[in-house]
Amino acid sequence: MNRFQHQALKELTDQQVRFAPPARRLEHLTRAERLLVEIDPVKEYPYQYVVFRLTDYRPDAYPDLLISGQDLIHDLGVIIAELARSMPAVPVESVSEQVLTLDEISKS
């Protein structure tokens, strides 16, 4: 997958993956998915707004950083992938949707 367009968003994601507990990462993943569908590719978004939307925290870092909507769409995709990849495996018994094995899928 392509890497981040903005170092600030990479740093935020690295911090989340390394230090946030799984439940918090899942919350941030859900927030990133919600934000992704709201982004207008032709607008610019303040970094601090993005962080607040993802984490419910208002940072002091990068107060002047504006991120183009197009770059933000890209980086949110990377954030979502990184957070999803960092989540622990979920026991199949706890999943509310039907889960198929590889053998079941290959017989379809």
N, C-alpha and C. Protein backbone atom coordinates (compact mmCIF):
# COMPACT_ATOMS: atom_id res chain seq x y z
N MET A 1 0.85 -1.18 0.00
CA MET A 1 0.00 0.00 0.00
C MET A 1 0.89 1.23 0.00
N ASN A 2 0.42 2.26 -0.64
CA ASN A 2 1.17 3.51 -0.66
C ASN A 2 1.33 4.06 0.74
N ARG A 3 2.40 4.74 0.96
CA ARG A 3 2.67 5.32 2.26
C ARG A 3 1.99 6.67 2.41
N PHE A 4 2.13 7.23 3.57
CA PHE A 4 1.48 8.49 3.92
C PHE A 4 1.97 9.65 3.06
N GLN A 5 1.06 10.56 2.78
CA GLN A 5 1.39 11.80 2.11
C GLN A 5 1.90 12.83 3.12
N HIS A 6 1.45 12.71 4.37
CA HIS A 6 1.81 13.68 5.41
C HIS A 6 2.46 12.97 6.61
N GLN A 7 3.65 13.41 6.93
CA GLN A 7 4.40 12.84 8.05
C GLN A 7 3.62 12.96 9.36
N ALA A 8 2.90 14.05 9.55
CA ALA A 8 2.14 14.25 10.79
C ALA A 8 1.11 13.14 10.98
N LEU A 9 0.45 12.73 9.91
CA LEU A 9 -0.54 11.66 10.02
C LEU A 9 0.13 10.30 10.23
N LYS A 10 1.31 10.14 9.66
CA LYS A 10 2.08 8.90 9.92
C LYS A 10 2.45 8.83 11.40
N GLU A 11 2.93 9.93 11.96
CA GLU A 11 3.31 9.95 13.37
C GLU A 11 2.10 9.65 14.26
N LEU A 12 0.95 10.23 13.94
CA LEU A 12 -0.26 9.97 14.71
C LEU A 12 -0.61 8.49 14.66
N THR A 13 -0.57 7.91 13.48
CA THR A 13 -0.91 6.50 13.32
C THR A 13 0.08 5.61 14.06
N ASP A 14 1.36 5.92 13.94
CA ASP A 14 2.37 5.13 14.65
C ASP A 14 2.13 5.15 16.16
N GLN A 15 1.77 6.30 16.69
CA GLN A 15 1.47 6.41 18.12
C GLN A 15 0.26 5.56 18.49
N GLN A 16 -0.75 5.59 17.65
CA GLN A 16 -1.96 4.81 17.92
C GLN A 16 -1.64 3.32 17.93
N VAL A 17 -0.91 2.87 16.93
CA VAL A 17 -0.59 1.45 16.81
C VAL A 17 0.27 0.98 17.97
N ARG A 18 1.21 1.82 18.40
CA ARG A 18 2.14 1.41 19.45
C ARG A 18 1.56 1.52 20.86
N PHE A 19 0.75 2.56 21.11
CA PHE A 19 0.39 2.86 22.49
C PHE A 19 -1.09 2.73 22.84
N ALA A 20 -1.98 2.85 21.89
CA ALA A 20 -3.40 2.80 22.21
C ALA A 20 -3.84 1.34 22.39
N PRO A 21 -4.66 1.08 23.40
CA PRO A 21 -5.18 -0.28 23.57
C PRO A 21 -6.11 -0.65 22.41
N PRO A 22 -6.31 -1.94 22.17
CA PRO A 22 -7.12 -2.36 21.03
C PRO A 22 -8.51 -1.72 20.97
N ALA A 23 -9.18 -1.59 22.08
CA ALA A 23 -10.52 -0.99 22.07
C ALA A 23 -10.48 0.44 21.58
N ARG A 24 -9.47 1.18 21.96
CA ARG A 24 -9.32 2.58 21.52
C ARG A 24 -8.97 2.62 20.05
N ARG A 25 -8.09 1.72 19.60
CA ARG A 25 -7.74 1.67 18.17
C ARG A 25 -8.97 1.36 17.32
N LEU A 26 -9.81 0.46 17.81
CA LEU A 26 -11.03 0.12 17.08
C LEU A 26 -11.95 1.34 16.99
N GLU A 27 -12.04 2.09 18.06
CA GLU A 27 -12.83 3.33 18.04
C GLU A 27 -12.27 4.31 17.03
N HIS A 28 -10.96 4.47 17.00
CA HIS A 28 -10.33 5.39 16.06
C HIS A 28 -10.48 4.90 14.62
N LEU A 29 -10.44 3.60 14.44
CA LEU A 29 -10.66 3.01 13.12
C LEU A 29 -12.07 3.35 12.62
N THR A 30 -13.05 3.19 13.48
CA THR A 30 -14.43 3.51 13.12
C THR A 30 -14.58 4.99 12.80
N ARG A 31 -13.94 5.85 13.59
CA ARG A 31 -13.99 7.29 13.34
C ARG A 31 -13.33 7.64 12.01
N ALA A 32 -12.23 6.96 11.69
CA ALA A 32 -11.54 7.21 10.42
C ALA A 32 -12.42 6.82 9.24
N GLU A 33 -13.13 5.71 9.36
CA GLU A 33 -14.03 5.28 8.29
C GLU A 33 -15.17 6.29 8.10
N ARG A 34 -15.70 6.81 9.20
CA ARG A 34 -16.76 7.83 9.12
C ARG A 34 -16.24 9.11 8.46
N LEU A 35 -15.06 9.54 8.88
CA LEU A 35 -14.49 10.77 8.34
C LEU A 35 -14.19 10.62 6.85
N LEU A 36 -13.71 9.47 6.46
CA LEU A 36 -13.32 9.25 5.07
C LEU A 36 -14.46 9.57 4.11
N VAL A 37 -15.67 9.17 4.43
CA VAL A 37 -16.79 9.40 3.50
C VAL A 37 -17.27 10.85 3.50
N GLU A 38 -16.81 11.65 4.45
CA GLU A 38 -17.21 13.05 4.54
C GLU A 38 -16.24 14.01 3.84
N ILE A 39 -15.07 13.53 3.48
CA ILE A 39 -14.02 14.41 2.96
C ILE A 39 -14.32 14.82 1.53
N ASP A 40 -14.19 16.10 1.27
CA ASP A 40 -14.32 16.67 -0.07
C ASP A 40 -12.90 16.80 -0.63
N PRO A 41 -12.60 16.13 -1.74
CA PRO A 41 -11.23 16.14 -2.25
C PRO A 41 -10.70 17.52 -2.65
N VAL A 42 -11.57 18.50 -2.86
CA VAL A 42 -11.09 19.82 -3.29
C VAL A 42 -10.96 20.81 -2.13
N LYS A 43 -11.32 20.41 -0.94
CA LYS A 43 -11.17 21.28 0.23
C LYS A 43 -9.87 20.97 0.96
N GLU A 44 -9.51 21.85 1.89
CA GLU A 44 -8.36 21.62 2.77
C GLU A 44 -8.87 21.47 4.20
N TYR A 45 -8.16 20.65 4.97
CA TYR A 45 -8.58 20.35 6.33
C TYR A 45 -7.42 20.59 7.29
N PRO A 46 -7.66 21.32 8.37
CA PRO A 46 -6.61 21.52 9.36
C PRO A 46 -6.25 20.19 10.04
N TYR A 47 -4.97 19.98 10.24
CA TYR A 47 -4.49 18.77 10.91
C TYR A 47 -5.18 18.59 12.26
N GLN A 48 -5.29 19.65 13.02
CA GLN A 48 -5.88 19.55 14.35
C GLN A 48 -7.34 19.10 14.29
N TYR A 49 -8.07 19.51 13.26
CA TYR A 49 -9.44 19.06 13.06
C TYR A 49 -9.46 17.55 12.80
N VAL A 50 -8.55 17.09 11.94
CA VAL A 50 -8.49 15.66 11.61
C VAL A 50 -8.20 14.84 12.86
N VAL A 51 -7.22 15.27 13.64
CA VAL A 51 -6.89 14.55 14.87
C VAL A 51 -8.07 14.52 15.82
N PHE A 52 -8.75 15.64 15.96
CA PHE A 52 -9.92 15.68 16.84
C PHE A 52 -11.00 14.72 16.36
N ARG A 53 -11.24 14.69 15.07
CA ARG A 53 -12.26 13.79 14.53
C ARG A 53 -11.89 12.33 14.73
N LEU A 54 -10.60 12.01 14.71
CA LEU A 54 -10.17 10.63 14.89
C LEU A 54 -10.08 10.21 16.34
N THR A 55 -9.66 11.13 17.20
CA THR A 55 -9.30 10.74 18.58
C THR A 55 -10.12 11.44 19.66
N ASP A 56 -10.88 12.46 19.31
CA ASP A 56 -11.62 13.27 20.28
C ASP A 56 -10.66 14.05 21.18
N TYR A 57 -9.46 14.31 20.67
CA TYR A 57 -8.42 15.05 21.39
C TYR A 57 -7.98 16.22 20.52
N ARG A 58 -7.80 17.38 21.13
CA ARG A 58 -7.35 18.57 20.39
C ARG A 58 -5.84 18.77 20.63
N PRO A 59 -5.02 18.46 19.62
CA PRO A 59 -3.57 18.58 19.80
C PRO A 59 -3.08 20.00 19.61
N ASP A 60 -1.88 20.26 20.10
CA ASP A 60 -1.21 21.53 19.86
C ASP A 60 -0.27 21.43 18.66
N ALA A 61 0.06 20.22 18.27
CA ALA A 61 1.03 19.98 17.20
C ALA A 61 0.50 20.44 15.84
N TYR A 62 1.40 20.91 15.01
CA TYR A 62 1.14 21.29 13.63
C TYR A 62 -0.06 22.24 13.49
N PRO A 63 -0.06 23.35 14.21
CA PRO A 63 -1.22 24.26 14.18
C PRO A 63 -1.49 24.90 12.82
N ASP A 64 -0.48 24.98 11.96
CA ASP A 64 -0.65 25.63 10.66
C ASP A 64 -0.79 24.64 9.50
N LEU A 65 -0.77 23.36 9.81
CA LEU A 65 -0.80 22.35 8.74
C LEU A 65 -2.21 22.20 8.18
N LEU A 66 -2.33 22.42 6.87
CA LEU A 66 -3.56 22.17 6.15
C LEU A 66 -3.31 20.98 5.21
N ILE A 67 -4.25 20.06 5.18
CA ILE A 67 -4.11 18.85 4.37
C ILE A 67 -5.18 18.90 3.28
N SER A 68 -4.75 18.73 2.04
CA SER A 68 -5.72 18.73 0.95
C SER A 68 -6.65 17.53 1.13
N GLY A 69 -7.88 17.70 0.68
CA GLY A 69 -8.85 16.61 0.78
C GLY A 69 -8.37 15.36 0.07
N GLN A 70 -7.74 15.54 -1.07
CA GLN A 70 -7.24 14.39 -1.82
C GLN A 70 -6.16 13.64 -1.04
N ASP A 71 -5.22 14.38 -0.45
CA ASP A 71 -4.19 13.74 0.37
C ASP A 71 -4.81 13.09 1.61
N LEU A 72 -5.79 13.74 2.19
CA LEU A 72 -6.43 13.21 3.39
C LEU A 72 -7.17 11.91 3.08
N ILE A 73 -7.84 11.86 1.95
CA ILE A 73 -8.51 10.62 1.56
C ILE A 73 -7.49 9.49 1.46
N HIS A 74 -6.38 9.78 0.83
CA HIS A 74 -5.31 8.77 0.71
C HIS A 74 -4.82 8.34 2.09
N ASP A 75 -4.46 9.32 2.92
CA ASP A 75 -3.88 9.00 4.23
C ASP A 75 -4.89 8.34 5.16
N LEU A 76 -6.16 8.69 5.07
CA LEU A 76 -7.16 8.00 5.88
C LEU A 76 -7.25 6.53 5.49
N GLY A 77 -7.11 6.25 4.20
CA GLY A 77 -7.07 4.85 3.76
C GLY A 77 -5.90 4.10 4.38
N VAL A 78 -4.74 4.76 4.44
CA VAL A 78 -3.56 4.14 5.04
C VAL A 78 -3.78 3.98 6.55
N ILE A 79 -4.35 4.99 7.20
CA ILE A 79 -4.63 4.91 8.63
C ILE A 79 -5.56 3.74 8.92
N ILE A 80 -6.62 3.62 8.15
CA ILE A 80 -7.58 2.54 8.35
C ILE A 80 -6.90 1.18 8.20
N ALA A 81 -6.08 1.04 7.17
CA ALA A 81 -5.38 -0.23 6.95
C ALA A 81 -4.42 -0.54 8.09
N GLU A 82 -3.66 0.47 8.53
CA GLU A 82 -2.69 0.25 9.61
C GLU A 82 -3.38 -0.11 10.92
N LEU A 83 -4.46 0.61 11.25
CA LEU A 83 -5.18 0.30 12.49
C LEU A 83 -5.81 -1.09 12.41
N ALA A 84 -6.41 -1.43 11.28
CA ALA A 84 -7.02 -2.75 11.12
C ALA A 84 -5.97 -3.86 11.25
N ARG A 85 -4.82 -3.64 10.64
CA ARG A 85 -3.74 -4.64 10.69
C ARG A 85 -3.21 -4.81 12.12
N SER A 86 -3.32 -3.76 12.93
CA SER A 86 -2.77 -3.82 14.29
C SER A 86 -3.72 -4.46 15.29
N MET A 87 -4.94 -4.73 14.88
CA MET A 87 -5.92 -5.28 15.81
C MET A 87 -5.66 -6.77 16.05
N PRO A 88 -5.88 -7.22 17.28
CA PRO A 88 -5.71 -8.65 17.56
C PRO A 88 -6.80 -9.47 16.86
N ALA A 89 -6.51 -10.73 16.65
CA ALA A 89 -7.49 -11.61 16.02
C ALA A 89 -8.73 -11.73 16.90
N VAL A 90 -9.87 -11.86 16.24
CA VAL A 90 -11.14 -11.99 16.94
C VAL A 90 -11.59 -13.44 16.85
N PRO A 91 -11.94 -14.07 17.96
CA PRO A 91 -12.43 -15.45 17.89
C PRO A 91 -13.70 -15.52 17.03
N VAL A 92 -13.77 -16.50 16.16
CA VAL A 92 -14.90 -16.62 15.25
C VAL A 92 -16.23 -16.70 16.00
N GLU A 93 -16.22 -17.25 17.20
CA GLU A 93 -17.44 -17.38 17.98
C GLU A 93 -18.02 -16.02 18.39
N SER A 94 -17.19 -15.00 18.42
CA SER A 94 -17.67 -13.69 18.88
C SER A 94 -18.13 -12.79 17.73
N VAL A 95 -18.03 -13.28 16.50
CA VAL A 95 -18.44 -12.49 15.35
C VAL A 95 -19.93 -12.68 15.12
N SER A 96 -20.64 -11.57 14.94
CA SER A 96 -22.10 -11.65 14.79
C SER A 96 -22.54 -12.03 13.37
N GLU A 97 -21.65 -11.92 12.40
CA GLU A 97 -21.98 -12.27 11.02
C GLU A 97 -21.53 -13.69 10.72
N GLN A 98 -22.10 -14.27 9.66
CA GLN A 98 -21.69 -15.61 9.25
C GLN A 98 -20.24 -15.59 8.78
N VAL A 99 -19.48 -16.57 9.21
CA VAL A 99 -18.08 -16.69 8.83
C VAL A 99 -17.90 -18.00 8.09
N LEU A 100 -17.25 -17.94 6.91
CA LEU A 100 -17.01 -19.13 6.12
C LEU A 100 -15.54 -19.50 6.15
N THR A 101 -15.26 -20.77 6.10
CA THR A 101 -13.88 -21.23 6.01
C THR A 101 -13.43 -21.13 4.55
N LEU A 102 -12.14 -21.28 4.31
CA LEU A 102 -11.64 -21.26 2.94
C LEU A 102 -12.22 -22.40 2.12
N ASP A 103 -12.38 -23.57 2.74
CA ASP A 103 -12.99 -24.71 2.03
C ASP A 103 -14.43 -24.40 1.63
N GLU A 104 -15.18 -23.79 2.53
CA GLU A 104 -16.57 -23.44 2.22
C GLU A 104 -16.65 -22.42 1.09
N ILE A 105 -15.75 -21.48 1.09
CA ILE A 105 -15.74 -20.47 0.04
C ILE A 105 -15.37 -21.08 -1.31
N SER A 106 -14.40 -21.99 -1.32
CA SER A 106 -13.94 -22.57 -2.58
C SER A 106 -14.99 -23.50 -3.19
N LYS A 107 -15.92 -24.01 -2.40
CA LYS A 107 -17.00 -24.86 -2.92
C LYS A 107 -18.14 -24.07 -3.49
N SER A 108 -18.16 -22.76 -3.26
CA SER A 108 -19.25 -21.91 -3.75
C SER A 108 -19.17 -21.68 -5.23
